[in-house]
Amino acid sequence: MNKIAGVLIAIGAGVAIGAALGVLYAPDEGAETRKRIVKRSKKLMGAIDDTMDEGRESLEEIRVELQKQLQKVNRKIEEVKN
């Protein structure tokens, strides 16, 4: 999970930096440029939040399935012991 989160953060940071640089070099006025940076940053953060939520849901589903499988294994071990 930590590796996945790190990769997502690195990708998000790279996209944000690239977007900011692209906007900074655009031929707009400073105030308009800052508005565009803020707008794009908010949109990017929303996308990152959505992706993280989906990742958490997937991990929870995997955790639940692994727990079920572990319970089955434990039952089989108990059967073999008896």
N, C-alpha and C. Protein backbone atom coordinates (compact mmCIF):
# COMPACT_ATOMS: atom_id res chain seq x y z
N MET A 1 0.82 -1.19 0.00
CA MET A 1 0.00 0.00 0.00
C MET A 1 0.86 1.24 0.00
N ASN A 2 1.93 1.27 0.80
CA ASN A 2 2.79 2.43 0.86
C ASN A 2 3.45 2.71 -0.48
N LYS A 3 3.85 1.66 -1.20
CA LYS A 3 4.46 1.85 -2.50
C LYS A 3 3.46 2.43 -3.49
N ILE A 4 2.23 1.92 -3.45
CA ILE A 4 1.19 2.41 -4.35
C ILE A 4 0.91 3.87 -4.06
N ALA A 5 0.75 4.21 -2.81
CA ALA A 5 0.48 5.60 -2.44
C ALA A 5 1.63 6.49 -2.86
N GLY A 6 2.86 6.04 -2.68
CA GLY A 6 4.02 6.82 -3.09
C GLY A 6 4.06 7.07 -4.58
N VAL A 7 3.74 6.05 -5.34
CA VAL A 7 3.72 6.20 -6.80
C VAL A 7 2.63 7.17 -7.21
N LEU A 8 1.44 7.04 -6.63
CA LEU A 8 0.35 7.95 -6.97
C LEU A 8 0.69 9.39 -6.61
N ILE A 9 1.32 9.59 -5.47
CA ILE A 9 1.71 10.94 -5.06
C ILE A 9 2.75 11.49 -6.03
N ALA A 10 3.73 10.67 -6.40
CA ALA A 10 4.76 11.13 -7.33
C ALA A 10 4.17 11.48 -8.69
N ILE A 11 3.25 10.66 -9.18
CA ILE A 11 2.60 10.95 -10.45
C ILE A 11 1.80 12.24 -10.35
N GLY A 12 1.03 12.37 -9.27
CA GLY A 12 0.23 13.58 -9.08
C GLY A 12 1.10 14.82 -8.99
N ALA A 13 2.21 14.72 -8.28
CA ALA A 13 3.12 15.86 -8.16
C ALA A 13 3.72 16.22 -9.52
N GLY A 14 4.09 15.22 -10.28
CA GLY A 14 4.64 15.47 -11.61
C GLY A 14 3.64 16.14 -12.53
N VAL A 15 2.41 15.66 -12.48
CA VAL A 15 1.36 16.27 -13.31
C VAL A 15 1.10 17.71 -12.87
N ALA A 16 1.05 17.93 -11.56
CA ALA A 16 0.80 19.28 -11.05
C ALA A 16 1.92 20.23 -11.44
N ILE A 17 3.16 19.79 -11.31
CA ILE A 17 4.29 20.64 -11.68
C ILE A 17 4.27 20.93 -13.17
N GLY A 18 4.02 19.91 -13.96
CA GLY A 18 3.94 20.11 -15.41
C GLY A 18 2.84 21.07 -15.81
N ALA A 19 1.67 20.91 -15.17
CA ALA A 19 0.55 21.81 -15.47
C ALA A 19 0.87 23.23 -15.05
N ALA A 20 1.48 23.38 -13.87
CA ALA A 20 1.83 24.71 -13.39
C ALA A 20 2.83 25.38 -14.32
N LEU A 21 3.85 24.64 -14.74
CA LEU A 21 4.83 25.21 -15.66
C LEU A 21 4.21 25.58 -17.00
N GLY A 22 3.32 24.73 -17.48
CA GLY A 22 2.65 25.02 -18.73
C GLY A 22 1.82 26.29 -18.65
N VAL A 23 1.13 26.45 -17.55
CA VAL A 23 0.30 27.64 -17.36
C VAL A 23 1.18 28.88 -17.18
N LEU A 24 2.28 28.73 -16.45
CA LEU A 24 3.17 29.87 -16.21
C LEU A 24 3.77 30.41 -17.51
N TYR A 25 4.03 29.54 -18.45
CA TYR A 25 4.61 29.98 -19.71
C TYR A 25 3.56 30.39 -20.74
N ALA A 26 2.31 30.32 -20.39
CA ALA A 26 1.24 30.74 -21.29
C ALA A 26 1.23 32.27 -21.35
N PRO A 27 0.77 32.82 -22.46
CA PRO A 27 0.80 34.28 -22.64
C PRO A 27 -0.36 35.03 -21.96
N ASP A 28 -0.79 34.59 -20.79
CA ASP A 28 -1.87 35.27 -20.07
C ASP A 28 -1.29 36.22 -19.03
N GLU A 29 -2.17 37.07 -18.48
CA GLU A 29 -1.77 37.95 -17.39
C GLU A 29 -1.55 37.14 -16.13
N GLY A 30 -0.81 37.71 -15.17
CA GLY A 30 -0.49 37.02 -13.91
C GLY A 30 -1.72 36.57 -13.14
N ALA A 31 -2.72 37.45 -13.01
CA ALA A 31 -3.93 37.12 -12.25
C ALA A 31 -4.66 35.96 -12.91
N GLU A 32 -4.75 36.01 -14.22
CA GLU A 32 -5.44 34.93 -14.95
C GLU A 32 -4.66 33.63 -14.83
N THR A 33 -3.36 33.72 -14.89
CA THR A 33 -2.51 32.53 -14.76
C THR A 33 -2.69 31.90 -13.39
N ARG A 34 -2.71 32.72 -12.34
CA ARG A 34 -2.89 32.19 -10.99
C ARG A 34 -4.25 31.53 -10.84
N LYS A 35 -5.28 32.11 -11.41
CA LYS A 35 -6.62 31.51 -11.36
C LYS A 35 -6.61 30.14 -12.05
N ARG A 36 -5.95 30.06 -13.19
CA ARG A 36 -5.90 28.80 -13.92
C ARG A 36 -5.12 27.74 -13.13
N ILE A 37 -4.03 28.17 -12.48
CA ILE A 37 -3.25 27.22 -11.67
C ILE A 37 -4.10 26.67 -10.54
N VAL A 38 -4.81 27.56 -9.86
CA VAL A 38 -5.66 27.13 -8.74
C VAL A 38 -6.76 26.19 -9.24
N LYS A 39 -7.39 26.55 -10.34
CA LYS A 39 -8.47 25.72 -10.88
C LYS A 39 -7.96 24.34 -11.27
N ARG A 40 -6.84 24.29 -11.95
CA ARG A 40 -6.28 23.00 -12.38
C ARG A 40 -5.80 22.19 -11.18
N SER A 41 -5.24 22.87 -10.20
CA SER A 41 -4.77 22.16 -9.00
C SER A 41 -5.94 21.52 -8.26
N LYS A 42 -7.04 22.25 -8.13
CA LYS A 42 -8.22 21.70 -7.46
C LYS A 42 -8.76 20.49 -8.24
N LYS A 43 -8.78 20.60 -9.55
CA LYS A 43 -9.27 19.50 -10.38
C LYS A 43 -8.37 18.28 -10.22
N LEU A 44 -7.07 18.52 -10.21
CA LEU A 44 -6.12 17.43 -10.04
C LEU A 44 -6.26 16.78 -8.67
N MET A 45 -6.40 17.58 -7.64
CA MET A 45 -6.56 17.03 -6.29
C MET A 45 -7.84 16.20 -6.19
N GLY A 46 -8.90 16.64 -6.85
CA GLY A 46 -10.13 15.86 -6.87
C GLY A 46 -9.92 14.51 -7.54
N ALA A 47 -9.18 14.52 -8.65
CA ALA A 47 -8.90 13.27 -9.36
C ALA A 47 -8.03 12.35 -8.50
N ILE A 48 -7.06 12.92 -7.81
CA ILE A 48 -6.20 12.11 -6.94
C ILE A 48 -7.02 11.52 -5.79
N ASP A 49 -7.90 12.33 -5.19
CA ASP A 49 -8.76 11.84 -4.12
C ASP A 49 -9.63 10.68 -4.60
N ASP A 50 -10.20 10.84 -5.79
CA ASP A 50 -11.04 9.77 -6.35
C ASP A 50 -10.24 8.49 -6.56
N THR A 51 -9.03 8.64 -7.10
CA THR A 51 -8.18 7.48 -7.34
C THR A 51 -7.79 6.80 -6.03
N MET A 52 -7.46 7.60 -5.03
CA MET A 52 -7.10 7.03 -3.72
C MET A 52 -8.30 6.31 -3.10
N ASP A 53 -9.50 6.88 -3.23
CA ASP A 53 -10.70 6.23 -2.71
C ASP A 53 -10.93 4.88 -3.39
N GLU A 54 -10.76 4.85 -4.71
CA GLU A 54 -10.92 3.59 -5.44
C GLU A 54 -9.88 2.57 -4.98
N GLY A 55 -8.66 3.04 -4.77
CA GLY A 55 -7.60 2.15 -4.31
C GLY A 55 -7.91 1.59 -2.93
N ARG A 56 -8.42 2.44 -2.05
CA ARG A 56 -8.78 1.98 -0.70
C ARG A 56 -9.88 0.94 -0.76
N GLU A 57 -10.88 1.17 -1.62
CA GLU A 57 -11.97 0.21 -1.76
C GLU A 57 -11.45 -1.13 -2.27
N SER A 58 -10.56 -1.08 -3.26
CA SER A 58 -10.00 -2.31 -3.80
C SER A 58 -9.20 -3.06 -2.74
N LEU A 59 -8.40 -2.32 -1.99
CA LEU A 59 -7.62 -2.96 -0.93
C LEU A 59 -8.51 -3.56 0.14
N GLU A 60 -9.60 -2.90 0.45
CA GLU A 60 -10.53 -3.44 1.45
C GLU A 60 -11.16 -4.74 0.94
N GLU A 61 -11.53 -4.78 -0.33
CA GLU A 61 -12.09 -6.00 -0.91
C GLU A 61 -11.07 -7.13 -0.86
N ILE A 62 -9.83 -6.83 -1.17
CA ILE A 62 -8.77 -7.83 -1.12
C ILE A 62 -8.57 -8.31 0.31
N ARG A 63 -8.58 -7.39 1.27
CA ARG A 63 -8.40 -7.75 2.68
C ARG A 63 -9.51 -8.69 3.14
N VAL A 64 -10.74 -8.38 2.78
CA VAL A 64 -11.87 -9.21 3.18
C VAL A 64 -11.74 -10.61 2.56
N GLU A 65 -11.38 -10.68 1.30
CA GLU A 65 -11.23 -11.97 0.64
C GLU A 65 -10.09 -12.78 1.26
N LEU A 66 -8.98 -12.12 1.55
CA LEU A 66 -7.87 -12.82 2.20
C LEU A 66 -8.26 -13.33 3.58
N GLN A 67 -9.04 -12.55 4.29
CA GLN A 67 -9.49 -12.97 5.62
C GLN A 67 -10.38 -14.22 5.51
N LYS A 68 -11.26 -14.24 4.52
CA LYS A 68 -12.11 -15.41 4.30
C LYS A 68 -11.26 -16.65 3.98
N GLN A 69 -10.27 -16.47 3.12
CA GLN A 69 -9.41 -17.59 2.75
C GLN A 69 -8.60 -18.08 3.95
N LEU A 70 -8.14 -17.17 4.78
CA LEU A 70 -7.40 -17.55 5.98
C LEU A 70 -8.29 -18.34 6.94
N GLN A 71 -9.54 -17.94 7.06
CA GLN A 71 -10.47 -18.68 7.91
C GLN A 71 -10.68 -20.10 7.38
N LYS A 72 -10.77 -20.24 6.06
CA LYS A 72 -10.90 -21.58 5.47
C LYS A 72 -9.68 -22.43 5.77
N VAL A 73 -8.51 -21.85 5.63
CA VAL A 73 -7.27 -22.57 5.91
C VAL A 73 -7.23 -22.99 7.37
N ASN A 74 -7.59 -22.10 8.26
CA ASN A 74 -7.60 -22.42 9.69
C ASN A 74 -8.57 -23.55 10.01
N ARG A 75 -9.74 -23.55 9.36
CA ARG A 75 -10.70 -24.64 9.57
C ARG A 75 -10.13 -25.96 9.08
N LYS A 76 -9.47 -25.95 7.94
CA LYS A 76 -8.86 -27.17 7.40
C LYS A 76 -7.78 -27.68 8.36
N ILE A 77 -6.99 -26.78 8.90
CA ILE A 77 -5.95 -27.17 9.85
C ILE A 77 -6.59 -27.82 11.08
N GLU A 78 -7.66 -27.24 11.57
CA GLU A 78 -8.34 -27.81 12.74
C GLU A 78 -8.92 -29.18 12.42
N GLU A 79 -9.45 -29.36 11.20
CA GLU A 79 -9.98 -30.66 10.79
C GLU A 79 -8.88 -31.72 10.76
N VAL A 80 -7.72 -31.33 10.26
CA VAL A 80 -6.61 -32.27 10.17
C VAL A 80 -6.11 -32.63 11.56
N LYS A 81 -6.10 -31.69 12.47
CA LYS A 81 -5.66 -31.96 13.84
C LYS A 81 -6.58 -32.96 14.53
N ASN A 82 -7.86 -32.88 14.25
CA ASN A 82 -8.84 -33.75 14.93
C ASN A 82 -8.92 -35.03 14.20
